[in-house]
N, C-alpha and C. Protein backbone atom coordinates (compact mmCIF):
# COMPACT_ATOMS: atom_id res chain seq x y z
N TYR A 1 -53.30 62.53 128.68
CA TYR A 1 -53.00 61.40 129.54
C TYR A 1 -51.50 61.25 129.63
N LEU A 2 -50.99 61.04 130.86
CA LEU A 2 -49.58 60.74 131.04
C LEU A 2 -49.39 59.93 132.30
N THR A 3 -48.23 59.32 132.42
CA THR A 3 -47.91 58.56 133.63
C THR A 3 -46.73 59.22 134.33
N VAL A 4 -46.72 59.12 135.66
CA VAL A 4 -45.65 59.68 136.47
C VAL A 4 -45.22 58.61 137.46
N GLU A 5 -43.92 58.38 137.54
CA GLU A 5 -43.41 57.42 138.52
C GLU A 5 -43.21 58.13 139.85
N THR A 6 -43.83 57.61 140.91
CA THR A 6 -43.72 58.18 142.24
C THR A 6 -43.11 57.14 143.18
N SER A 7 -42.84 57.55 144.40
CA SER A 7 -42.29 56.60 145.38
C SER A 7 -43.29 55.50 145.73
N SER A 8 -44.58 55.73 145.43
CA SER A 8 -45.60 54.70 145.69
C SER A 8 -46.10 54.04 144.40
N GLY A 9 -45.31 54.15 143.33
CA GLY A 9 -45.67 53.49 142.09
C GLY A 9 -46.00 54.46 140.97
N VAL A 10 -46.30 53.92 139.81
CA VAL A 10 -46.64 54.72 138.64
C VAL A 10 -48.11 55.15 138.75
N LYS A 11 -48.35 56.44 138.57
CA LYS A 11 -49.71 57.00 138.64
C LYS A 11 -50.12 57.49 137.26
N GLU A 12 -51.39 57.32 136.94
CA GLU A 12 -51.95 57.79 135.68
C GLU A 12 -52.62 59.13 135.91
N LEU A 13 -52.27 60.12 135.09
CA LEU A 13 -52.83 61.46 135.21
C LEU A 13 -53.55 61.84 133.92
N TRP A 14 -54.68 62.50 134.08
CA TRP A 14 -55.41 63.05 132.95
C TRP A 14 -55.36 64.56 133.08
N VAL A 15 -54.81 65.22 132.07
CA VAL A 15 -54.66 66.66 132.09
C VAL A 15 -55.74 67.28 131.21
N ASN A 16 -56.51 68.19 131.78
CA ASN A 16 -57.50 68.94 131.02
C ASN A 16 -56.90 70.30 130.70
N SER A 17 -57.11 70.76 129.47
CA SER A 17 -56.52 72.04 129.08
C SER A 17 -57.58 73.01 128.58
N PHE A 18 -57.21 74.27 128.65
CA PHE A 18 -58.05 75.36 128.16
C PHE A 18 -57.12 76.35 127.48
N ASN A 19 -57.41 76.66 126.22
CA ASN A 19 -56.56 77.56 125.43
C ASN A 19 -55.11 77.10 125.40
N GLY A 20 -54.90 75.78 125.32
CA GLY A 20 -53.56 75.24 125.18
C GLY A 20 -52.76 75.15 126.47
N LYS A 21 -53.38 75.47 127.61
CA LYS A 21 -52.68 75.38 128.89
C LYS A 21 -53.44 74.45 129.83
N ALA A 22 -52.69 73.73 130.62
CA ALA A 22 -53.31 72.83 131.59
C ALA A 22 -54.17 73.63 132.55
N SER A 23 -55.40 73.16 132.77
CA SER A 23 -56.31 73.85 133.70
C SER A 23 -56.64 72.99 134.92
N SER A 24 -56.66 71.67 134.73
CA SER A 24 -56.89 70.77 135.87
C SER A 24 -56.26 69.42 135.57
N VAL A 25 -56.01 68.68 136.65
CA VAL A 25 -55.42 67.35 136.53
C VAL A 25 -56.19 66.40 137.42
N SER A 26 -56.38 65.19 136.93
CA SER A 26 -57.02 64.13 137.69
C SER A 26 -56.03 62.98 137.79
N VAL A 27 -55.95 62.36 138.97
CA VAL A 27 -55.02 61.24 139.17
C VAL A 27 -55.70 60.15 139.97
N LYS A 28 -55.47 58.92 139.57
CA LYS A 28 -55.95 57.76 140.34
C LYS A 28 -54.83 57.37 141.31
N LEU A 29 -55.13 57.42 142.60
CA LEU A 29 -54.14 57.13 143.63
C LEU A 29 -54.11 55.67 144.03
N GLY A 30 -55.09 54.89 143.61
CA GLY A 30 -55.14 53.48 143.99
C GLY A 30 -55.98 53.29 145.23
N ASN A 31 -55.82 52.14 145.87
CA ASN A 31 -56.61 51.82 147.06
C ASN A 31 -55.91 52.29 148.32
N PRO A 32 -56.66 52.89 149.23
CA PRO A 32 -56.06 53.34 150.49
C PRO A 32 -55.71 52.16 151.39
N ILE A 33 -54.75 52.38 152.26
CA ILE A 33 -54.34 51.38 153.25
C ILE A 33 -54.75 51.87 154.62
N PHE A 34 -55.40 51.01 155.40
CA PHE A 34 -55.87 51.36 156.74
C PHE A 34 -55.15 50.58 157.84
N GLU A 35 -54.41 49.55 157.48
CA GLU A 35 -53.72 48.70 158.44
C GLU A 35 -52.55 49.46 159.07
N GLY A 36 -52.58 49.61 160.40
CA GLY A 36 -51.60 50.40 161.13
C GLY A 36 -50.16 50.10 160.78
N LYS A 37 -49.80 48.84 160.73
CA LYS A 37 -48.41 48.46 160.45
C LYS A 37 -47.98 48.83 159.03
N LEU A 38 -48.94 48.93 158.10
CA LEU A 38 -48.62 49.25 156.71
C LEU A 38 -48.67 50.74 156.42
N ILE A 39 -49.05 51.56 157.42
CA ILE A 39 -49.15 53.00 157.18
C ILE A 39 -47.78 53.60 156.87
N PRO A 40 -46.67 53.37 157.56
CA PRO A 40 -46.47 52.55 158.75
C PRO A 40 -46.64 53.34 160.04
N SER A 41 -47.12 52.62 161.06
CA SER A 41 -47.23 53.18 162.40
C SER A 41 -46.98 52.06 163.40
N THR A 42 -46.96 52.41 164.67
CA THR A 42 -46.77 51.39 165.70
C THR A 42 -48.09 50.77 166.13
N PHE A 43 -49.22 51.21 165.52
CA PHE A 43 -50.53 50.67 165.86
C PHE A 43 -50.76 49.34 165.15
N ASP A 44 -51.43 48.43 165.85
CA ASP A 44 -51.86 47.17 165.24
C ASP A 44 -53.28 47.34 164.72
N GLY A 45 -53.58 46.66 163.63
CA GLY A 45 -54.94 46.69 163.09
C GLY A 45 -55.28 48.01 162.44
N GLU A 46 -56.54 48.13 162.11
CA GLU A 46 -57.06 49.34 161.48
C GLU A 46 -57.28 50.41 162.54
N VAL A 47 -56.85 51.63 162.23
CA VAL A 47 -57.00 52.72 163.19
C VAL A 47 -57.98 53.74 162.60
N THR A 48 -59.23 53.66 163.04
CA THR A 48 -60.29 54.56 162.60
C THR A 48 -60.95 55.14 163.84
N GLU A 49 -60.96 56.45 163.93
CA GLU A 49 -61.57 57.18 165.05
C GLU A 49 -61.02 56.76 166.42
N ARG A 50 -59.73 56.55 166.48
CA ARG A 50 -59.08 56.26 167.75
C ARG A 50 -58.89 57.58 168.50
N GLN A 51 -59.09 57.57 169.79
CA GLN A 51 -58.93 58.77 170.61
C GLN A 51 -57.48 58.90 171.07
N ILE A 52 -56.90 60.09 170.83
CA ILE A 52 -55.58 60.38 171.38
C ILE A 52 -55.67 61.72 172.09
N THR A 53 -54.81 61.94 173.06
CA THR A 53 -54.80 63.19 173.82
C THR A 53 -53.57 63.99 173.44
N LEU A 54 -53.80 65.24 173.06
CA LEU A 54 -52.73 66.17 172.70
C LEU A 54 -52.95 67.46 173.47
N GLY A 55 -51.96 67.87 174.22
CA GLY A 55 -52.08 69.11 174.98
C GLY A 55 -53.26 69.13 175.92
N GLY A 56 -53.61 67.97 176.48
CA GLY A 56 -54.71 67.88 177.42
C GLY A 56 -56.09 67.79 176.78
N LYS A 57 -56.16 67.77 175.45
CA LYS A 57 -57.44 67.68 174.76
C LYS A 57 -57.51 66.38 173.96
N SER A 58 -58.67 65.74 173.97
CA SER A 58 -58.86 64.48 173.27
C SER A 58 -59.35 64.73 171.84
N TYR A 59 -58.77 63.99 170.89
CA TYR A 59 -59.15 64.10 169.48
C TYR A 59 -59.39 62.71 168.91
N ALA A 60 -60.33 62.62 167.97
CA ALA A 60 -60.53 61.38 167.21
C ALA A 60 -59.59 61.46 166.00
N VAL A 61 -58.79 60.42 165.82
CA VAL A 61 -57.89 60.38 164.68
C VAL A 61 -58.12 59.10 163.88
N SER A 62 -57.81 59.18 162.60
CA SER A 62 -57.84 58.02 161.72
C SER A 62 -56.55 58.02 160.92
N LEU A 63 -56.01 56.84 160.72
CA LEU A 63 -54.78 56.69 159.95
C LEU A 63 -55.11 56.12 158.58
N VAL A 64 -54.43 56.65 157.57
CA VAL A 64 -54.63 56.15 156.21
C VAL A 64 -53.36 56.42 155.41
N ASN A 65 -53.05 55.50 154.51
CA ASN A 65 -51.94 55.68 153.60
C ASN A 65 -52.51 55.70 152.19
N VAL A 66 -52.31 56.81 151.48
CA VAL A 66 -52.75 56.95 150.10
C VAL A 66 -51.53 57.21 149.20
N GLY A 67 -50.44 56.54 149.54
CA GLY A 67 -49.17 56.74 148.85
C GLY A 67 -48.11 57.25 149.80
N ASN A 68 -48.56 57.84 150.90
CA ASN A 68 -47.72 58.26 152.01
C ASN A 68 -48.58 58.29 153.27
N PRO A 69 -47.95 58.28 154.45
CA PRO A 69 -48.72 58.14 155.69
C PRO A 69 -49.39 59.43 156.15
N HIS A 70 -50.66 59.28 156.60
CA HIS A 70 -51.45 60.42 157.07
C HIS A 70 -52.13 60.10 158.39
N CYS A 71 -52.20 61.10 159.24
CA CYS A 71 -52.96 61.03 160.48
C CYS A 71 -54.01 62.14 160.41
N VAL A 72 -55.26 61.75 160.26
CA VAL A 72 -56.37 62.68 160.11
C VAL A 72 -56.96 62.94 161.50
N VAL A 73 -56.94 64.21 161.91
CA VAL A 73 -57.44 64.62 163.22
C VAL A 73 -58.77 65.33 162.99
N PHE A 74 -59.86 64.78 163.53
CA PHE A 74 -61.17 65.41 163.38
C PHE A 74 -61.35 66.42 164.51
N CYS A 75 -61.72 67.65 164.13
CA CYS A 75 -61.91 68.71 165.12
C CYS A 75 -63.01 69.66 164.63
N ASP A 76 -63.50 70.49 165.54
CA ASP A 76 -64.62 71.37 165.23
C ASP A 76 -64.21 72.69 164.55
N LYS A 77 -63.09 73.25 164.95
CA LYS A 77 -62.73 74.59 164.46
C LYS A 77 -61.33 74.58 163.88
N VAL A 78 -61.22 74.20 162.62
CA VAL A 78 -59.91 74.06 162.00
C VAL A 78 -59.17 75.39 161.88
N ASP A 79 -59.90 76.50 161.77
CA ASP A 79 -59.23 77.80 161.64
C ASP A 79 -58.60 78.25 162.95
N GLU A 80 -59.09 77.77 164.07
CA GLU A 80 -58.60 78.21 165.37
C GLU A 80 -57.54 77.28 165.96
N ILE A 81 -57.36 76.13 165.37
CA ILE A 81 -56.44 75.13 165.93
C ILE A 81 -54.99 75.54 165.66
N ASP A 82 -54.10 75.24 166.59
CA ASP A 82 -52.67 75.47 166.40
C ASP A 82 -52.10 74.25 165.69
N ILE A 83 -52.18 74.28 164.37
CA ILE A 83 -51.83 73.10 163.58
C ILE A 83 -50.35 72.75 163.69
N ASP A 84 -49.49 73.76 163.83
CA ASP A 84 -48.06 73.46 163.98
C ASP A 84 -47.80 72.69 165.27
N ALA A 85 -48.47 73.10 166.35
CA ALA A 85 -48.30 72.42 167.64
C ALA A 85 -48.85 71.00 167.57
N ILE A 86 -50.04 70.83 167.02
CA ILE A 86 -50.64 69.50 166.93
C ILE A 86 -49.82 68.60 166.01
N GLY A 87 -49.42 69.13 164.87
CA GLY A 87 -48.60 68.34 163.95
C GLY A 87 -47.31 67.88 164.61
N GLN A 88 -46.64 68.78 165.29
CA GLN A 88 -45.39 68.43 165.94
C GLN A 88 -45.62 67.44 167.09
N GLN A 89 -46.69 67.63 167.85
CA GLN A 89 -47.00 66.70 168.95
C GLN A 89 -47.24 65.29 168.41
N ILE A 90 -47.98 65.18 167.33
CA ILE A 90 -48.24 63.87 166.74
C ILE A 90 -46.95 63.27 166.21
N SER A 91 -46.15 64.08 165.56
CA SER A 91 -44.87 63.62 165.04
C SER A 91 -43.96 63.13 166.16
N ASP A 92 -44.00 63.81 167.30
CA ASP A 92 -43.13 63.47 168.44
C ASP A 92 -43.60 62.26 169.24
N THR A 93 -44.82 61.75 168.98
CA THR A 93 -45.33 60.61 169.76
C THR A 93 -44.53 59.34 169.56
N GLY A 94 -43.87 59.24 168.42
CA GLY A 94 -43.17 57.99 168.10
C GLY A 94 -44.06 56.96 167.43
N TYR A 95 -45.33 57.28 167.22
CA TYR A 95 -46.26 56.35 166.57
C TYR A 95 -45.91 56.12 165.10
N PHE A 96 -45.19 57.07 164.49
CA PHE A 96 -44.92 57.03 163.05
C PHE A 96 -43.42 57.06 162.80
N PRO A 97 -42.78 55.88 162.75
CA PRO A 97 -41.33 55.83 162.64
C PRO A 97 -40.76 56.45 161.37
N CYS A 98 -41.56 56.54 160.30
CA CYS A 98 -41.10 57.11 159.03
C CYS A 98 -41.64 58.52 158.81
N GLY A 99 -42.28 59.10 159.83
CA GLY A 99 -42.89 60.42 159.68
C GLY A 99 -44.34 60.31 159.25
N VAL A 100 -45.02 61.45 159.30
CA VAL A 100 -46.45 61.46 158.99
C VAL A 100 -46.87 62.86 158.58
N ILE A 101 -47.89 62.94 157.75
CA ILE A 101 -48.54 64.20 157.40
C ILE A 101 -49.82 64.26 158.22
N VAL A 102 -50.08 65.41 158.84
CA VAL A 102 -51.22 65.56 159.75
C VAL A 102 -52.25 66.50 159.13
N GLU A 103 -53.50 66.05 159.12
CA GLU A 103 -54.61 66.88 158.66
C GLU A 103 -55.55 67.16 159.81
N CYS A 104 -55.94 68.41 159.98
CA CYS A 104 -57.00 68.78 160.92
C CYS A 104 -58.23 69.03 160.06
N VAL A 105 -59.30 68.28 160.32
CA VAL A 105 -60.44 68.22 159.42
C VAL A 105 -61.74 68.47 160.18
N ARG A 106 -62.58 69.31 159.58
CA ARG A 106 -63.95 69.47 160.05
C ARG A 106 -64.87 69.02 158.93
N VAL A 107 -65.76 68.08 159.24
CA VAL A 107 -66.74 67.62 158.26
C VAL A 107 -67.87 68.64 158.23
N VAL A 108 -68.07 69.27 157.08
CA VAL A 108 -69.12 70.27 156.91
C VAL A 108 -70.46 69.59 156.63
N ASN A 109 -70.44 68.64 155.71
CA ASN A 109 -71.61 67.82 155.40
C ASN A 109 -71.11 66.55 154.72
N ASN A 110 -72.00 65.73 154.20
CA ASN A 110 -71.59 64.43 153.68
C ASN A 110 -70.79 64.48 152.39
N VAL A 111 -70.62 65.67 151.79
CA VAL A 111 -69.81 65.80 150.58
C VAL A 111 -68.82 66.97 150.66
N THR A 112 -68.58 67.49 151.85
CA THR A 112 -67.67 68.63 152.01
C THR A 112 -66.91 68.53 153.32
N VAL A 113 -65.59 68.72 153.25
CA VAL A 113 -64.78 68.84 154.45
C VAL A 113 -63.90 70.08 154.32
N LYS A 114 -63.58 70.67 155.46
CA LYS A 114 -62.64 71.78 155.51
C LYS A 114 -61.39 71.27 156.20
N MET A 115 -60.22 71.62 155.66
CA MET A 115 -59.01 71.00 156.15
C MET A 115 -57.84 71.96 156.15
N ARG A 116 -56.97 71.76 157.14
CA ARG A 116 -55.63 72.35 157.15
C ARG A 116 -54.65 71.19 157.25
N VAL A 117 -53.47 71.39 156.67
CA VAL A 117 -52.51 70.28 156.61
C VAL A 117 -51.14 70.73 157.10
N TRP A 118 -50.53 69.83 157.87
CA TRP A 118 -49.19 70.04 158.40
C TRP A 118 -48.29 68.96 157.83
N ASP A 119 -47.27 69.38 157.13
CA ASP A 119 -46.32 68.46 156.52
C ASP A 119 -45.15 68.23 157.46
N ARG A 120 -44.72 67.01 157.55
CA ARG A 120 -43.66 66.65 158.49
C ARG A 120 -42.33 67.33 158.20
N ILE A 121 -42.16 67.90 157.03
CA ILE A 121 -40.91 68.57 156.68
C ILE A 121 -41.07 70.09 156.67
N ASN A 122 -42.17 70.59 156.10
CA ASN A 122 -42.34 72.02 155.88
C ASN A 122 -43.30 72.73 156.82
N GLY A 123 -43.97 72.02 157.72
CA GLY A 123 -44.97 72.65 158.58
C GLY A 123 -46.28 72.80 157.81
N GLU A 124 -47.06 73.83 158.16
CA GLU A 124 -48.36 74.01 157.49
C GLU A 124 -48.16 74.37 156.03
N THR A 125 -48.93 73.69 155.17
CA THR A 125 -48.94 74.01 153.75
C THR A 125 -50.37 74.34 153.35
N TRP A 126 -50.52 75.10 152.29
CA TRP A 126 -51.85 75.55 151.89
C TRP A 126 -52.60 74.54 151.05
N SER A 127 -51.90 73.56 150.51
CA SER A 127 -52.58 72.56 149.70
C SER A 127 -51.72 71.32 149.61
N CYS A 128 -52.36 70.18 149.57
CA CYS A 128 -51.65 68.90 149.44
C CYS A 128 -52.66 67.88 148.93
N GLY A 129 -52.38 67.32 147.76
CA GLY A 129 -53.32 66.37 147.15
C GLY A 129 -53.52 65.11 147.96
N THR A 130 -52.43 64.48 148.40
CA THR A 130 -52.62 63.24 149.15
C THR A 130 -53.27 63.51 150.51
N ALA A 131 -53.02 64.69 151.09
CA ALA A 131 -53.68 65.04 152.35
C ALA A 131 -55.18 65.20 152.14
N ALA A 132 -55.58 65.84 151.04
CA ALA A 132 -57.00 65.99 150.73
C ALA A 132 -57.63 64.61 150.54
N ALA A 133 -56.92 63.73 149.82
CA ALA A 133 -57.44 62.38 149.61
C ALA A 133 -57.57 61.64 150.93
N ALA A 134 -56.55 61.73 151.78
CA ALA A 134 -56.60 61.04 153.08
C ALA A 134 -57.74 61.56 153.94
N ALA A 135 -57.95 62.88 153.95
CA ALA A 135 -59.04 63.47 154.75
C ALA A 135 -60.40 62.96 154.28
N ALA A 136 -60.61 62.96 152.96
CA ALA A 136 -61.90 62.51 152.41
C ALA A 136 -62.10 61.02 152.67
N VAL A 137 -61.07 60.22 152.46
CA VAL A 137 -61.17 58.78 152.67
C VAL A 137 -61.46 58.47 154.14
N ALA A 138 -60.77 59.15 155.06
CA ALA A 138 -61.00 58.93 156.49
C ALA A 138 -62.42 59.32 156.87
N ALA A 139 -62.92 60.42 156.32
CA ALA A 139 -64.29 60.85 156.62
C ALA A 139 -65.31 59.84 156.10
N VAL A 140 -65.04 59.26 154.93
CA VAL A 140 -65.92 58.21 154.39
C VAL A 140 -65.84 56.97 155.28
N LYS A 141 -64.64 56.56 155.63
CA LYS A 141 -64.43 55.36 156.44
C LYS A 141 -65.12 55.48 157.80
N CYS A 142 -65.18 56.70 158.34
CA CYS A 142 -65.82 56.93 159.64
C CYS A 142 -67.33 57.16 159.51
N GLY A 143 -67.86 57.10 158.29
CA GLY A 143 -69.29 57.26 158.08
C GLY A 143 -69.77 58.69 158.09
N GLN A 144 -68.85 59.64 157.97
CA GLN A 144 -69.22 61.05 158.00
C GLN A 144 -69.40 61.66 156.62
N CYS A 145 -68.84 61.03 155.58
CA CYS A 145 -69.00 61.48 154.20
C CYS A 145 -69.45 60.30 153.36
N SER A 146 -69.95 60.59 152.17
CA SER A 146 -70.58 59.58 151.32
C SER A 146 -69.58 58.83 150.43
N TYR A 147 -69.62 57.52 150.54
CA TYR A 147 -68.84 56.64 149.68
C TYR A 147 -69.36 56.75 148.25
N GLY A 148 -68.45 56.85 147.28
CA GLY A 148 -68.84 56.90 145.88
C GLY A 148 -69.26 58.27 145.39
N GLU A 149 -69.25 59.27 146.25
CA GLU A 149 -69.61 60.64 145.85
C GLU A 149 -68.34 61.49 145.76
N ILE A 150 -68.39 62.55 144.97
CA ILE A 150 -67.28 63.49 144.92
C ILE A 150 -67.34 64.37 146.16
N ILE A 151 -66.24 64.39 146.91
CA ILE A 151 -66.15 65.16 148.14
C ILE A 151 -65.27 66.37 147.88
N THR A 152 -65.80 67.55 148.17
CA THR A 152 -65.03 68.78 148.05
C THR A 152 -64.21 68.96 149.32
N VAL A 153 -62.90 69.11 149.15
CA VAL A 153 -62.00 69.35 150.27
C VAL A 153 -61.53 70.79 150.17
N LYS A 154 -61.93 71.60 151.16
CA LYS A 154 -61.62 73.02 151.17
C LYS A 154 -60.32 73.26 151.92
N LEU A 155 -59.34 73.84 151.23
CA LEU A 155 -58.03 74.16 151.80
C LEU A 155 -57.74 75.64 151.59
N LYS A 156 -56.75 76.17 152.29
CA LYS A 156 -56.36 77.56 152.11
C LYS A 156 -55.95 77.85 150.67
N GLY A 157 -55.34 76.86 150.01
CA GLY A 157 -54.86 77.05 148.64
C GLY A 157 -55.90 76.78 147.57
N GLY A 158 -57.11 76.44 147.94
CA GLY A 158 -58.17 76.17 146.97
C GLY A 158 -58.79 74.80 147.19
N ASP A 159 -59.86 74.54 146.48
CA ASP A 159 -60.60 73.30 146.63
C ASP A 159 -59.99 72.17 145.79
N LEU A 160 -60.01 70.98 146.37
CA LEU A 160 -59.67 69.76 145.65
C LEU A 160 -60.88 68.84 145.74
N PHE A 161 -60.95 67.88 144.82
CA PHE A 161 -62.12 67.01 144.73
C PHE A 161 -61.67 65.55 144.77
N VAL A 162 -62.27 64.78 145.67
CA VAL A 162 -61.87 63.40 145.90
C VAL A 162 -63.08 62.49 145.77
N LYS A 163 -62.88 61.38 145.08
CA LYS A 163 -63.91 60.35 145.01
C LYS A 163 -63.27 59.04 145.46
N TYR A 164 -63.93 58.39 146.43
CA TYR A 164 -63.46 57.11 146.95
C TYR A 164 -64.57 56.09 146.72
N ASP A 165 -64.27 55.08 145.89
CA ASP A 165 -65.25 54.03 145.61
C ASP A 165 -64.52 52.71 145.37
N GLU A 166 -65.22 51.72 144.83
CA GLU A 166 -64.63 50.39 144.65
C GLU A 166 -63.40 50.39 143.75
N SER A 167 -63.22 51.41 142.91
CA SER A 167 -62.04 51.47 142.04
C SER A 167 -60.85 52.15 142.72
N GLY A 168 -61.04 52.64 143.95
CA GLY A 168 -59.96 53.29 144.67
C GLY A 168 -60.24 54.76 144.91
N VAL A 169 -59.17 55.54 144.93
CA VAL A 169 -59.27 56.97 145.21
C VAL A 169 -58.85 57.76 143.99
N GLU A 170 -59.69 58.72 143.60
CA GLU A 170 -59.37 59.61 142.50
C GLU A 170 -59.36 61.05 143.02
N LEU A 171 -58.35 61.80 142.62
CA LEU A 171 -58.15 63.18 143.05
C LEU A 171 -58.17 64.08 141.84
N ASP A 172 -58.85 65.22 141.97
CA ASP A 172 -58.95 66.17 140.87
C ASP A 172 -58.82 67.58 141.41
N GLY A 173 -58.16 68.44 140.66
CA GLY A 173 -58.06 69.83 141.09
C GLY A 173 -57.49 70.71 139.99
N SER A 174 -57.69 72.00 140.16
CA SER A 174 -57.16 72.96 139.18
C SER A 174 -55.66 73.11 139.38
N VAL A 175 -54.99 73.55 138.33
CA VAL A 175 -53.54 73.72 138.38
C VAL A 175 -53.16 75.12 137.92
N LYS A 176 -52.05 75.59 138.45
CA LYS A 176 -51.46 76.87 138.04
C LYS A 176 -49.97 76.66 137.93
N GLN A 177 -49.35 77.32 136.98
CA GLN A 177 -47.91 77.19 136.82
C GLN A 177 -47.21 77.87 138.00
N SER A 178 -46.29 77.14 138.62
CA SER A 178 -45.56 77.71 139.76
C SER A 178 -44.08 77.86 139.45
N PHE A 179 -43.59 77.17 138.44
CA PHE A 179 -42.19 77.32 138.02
C PHE A 179 -42.03 76.75 136.63
N GLU A 180 -40.89 77.01 136.04
CA GLU A 180 -40.57 76.49 134.73
C GLU A 180 -39.14 75.98 134.77
N GLY A 181 -38.88 74.89 134.09
CA GLY A 181 -37.54 74.34 134.07
C GLY A 181 -37.37 73.38 132.92
N SER A 182 -36.20 72.81 132.81
CA SER A 182 -35.95 71.81 131.79
C SER A 182 -35.07 70.73 132.37
N ILE A 183 -35.20 69.54 131.81
CA ILE A 183 -34.36 68.43 132.22
C ILE A 183 -33.70 67.84 130.98
N GLU A 184 -32.55 67.28 131.17
CA GLU A 184 -31.87 66.63 130.07
C GLU A 184 -32.15 65.14 130.16
N ILE A 185 -32.63 64.59 129.05
CA ILE A 185 -32.96 63.17 129.04
C ILE A 185 -31.95 62.43 128.17
């Protein structure tokens, strides 16, 4: 167990280990925010399954903040979508004055979604914990996934697991060492 201070507050993490090395981490993200002005966005009220047009095609989108702002775009074929174009188009709308992370999501069944994510700074990324949480929460909020159940979020970088219930949002996933460093305290 450890705590990490983030821009959205202190988060509690539970680290599971195998043979003395971290194998997975679970974190409680708190309660999601659905109010447009608090995302922040230029939308008033809750934005769930609102239709927007991008490149001449209409998409259902939901907005959610799980520590940072997300725009979840529901679509049928996430592998075929031009996520960089859609992400940039959404970013360019002016709806999100502080920027936004965009997820293109296909609901597979009530406990599984497939997702690609576009980060407002780096473009498409293979994995993002808050994006997985936002996708699962939006799918639950729209009645497409089950509240209180563990939802598998399939990403290019591997599966993440999200549970959204009365205690908030919990995220779990496997970990691999990507770098090593030291800090002076």
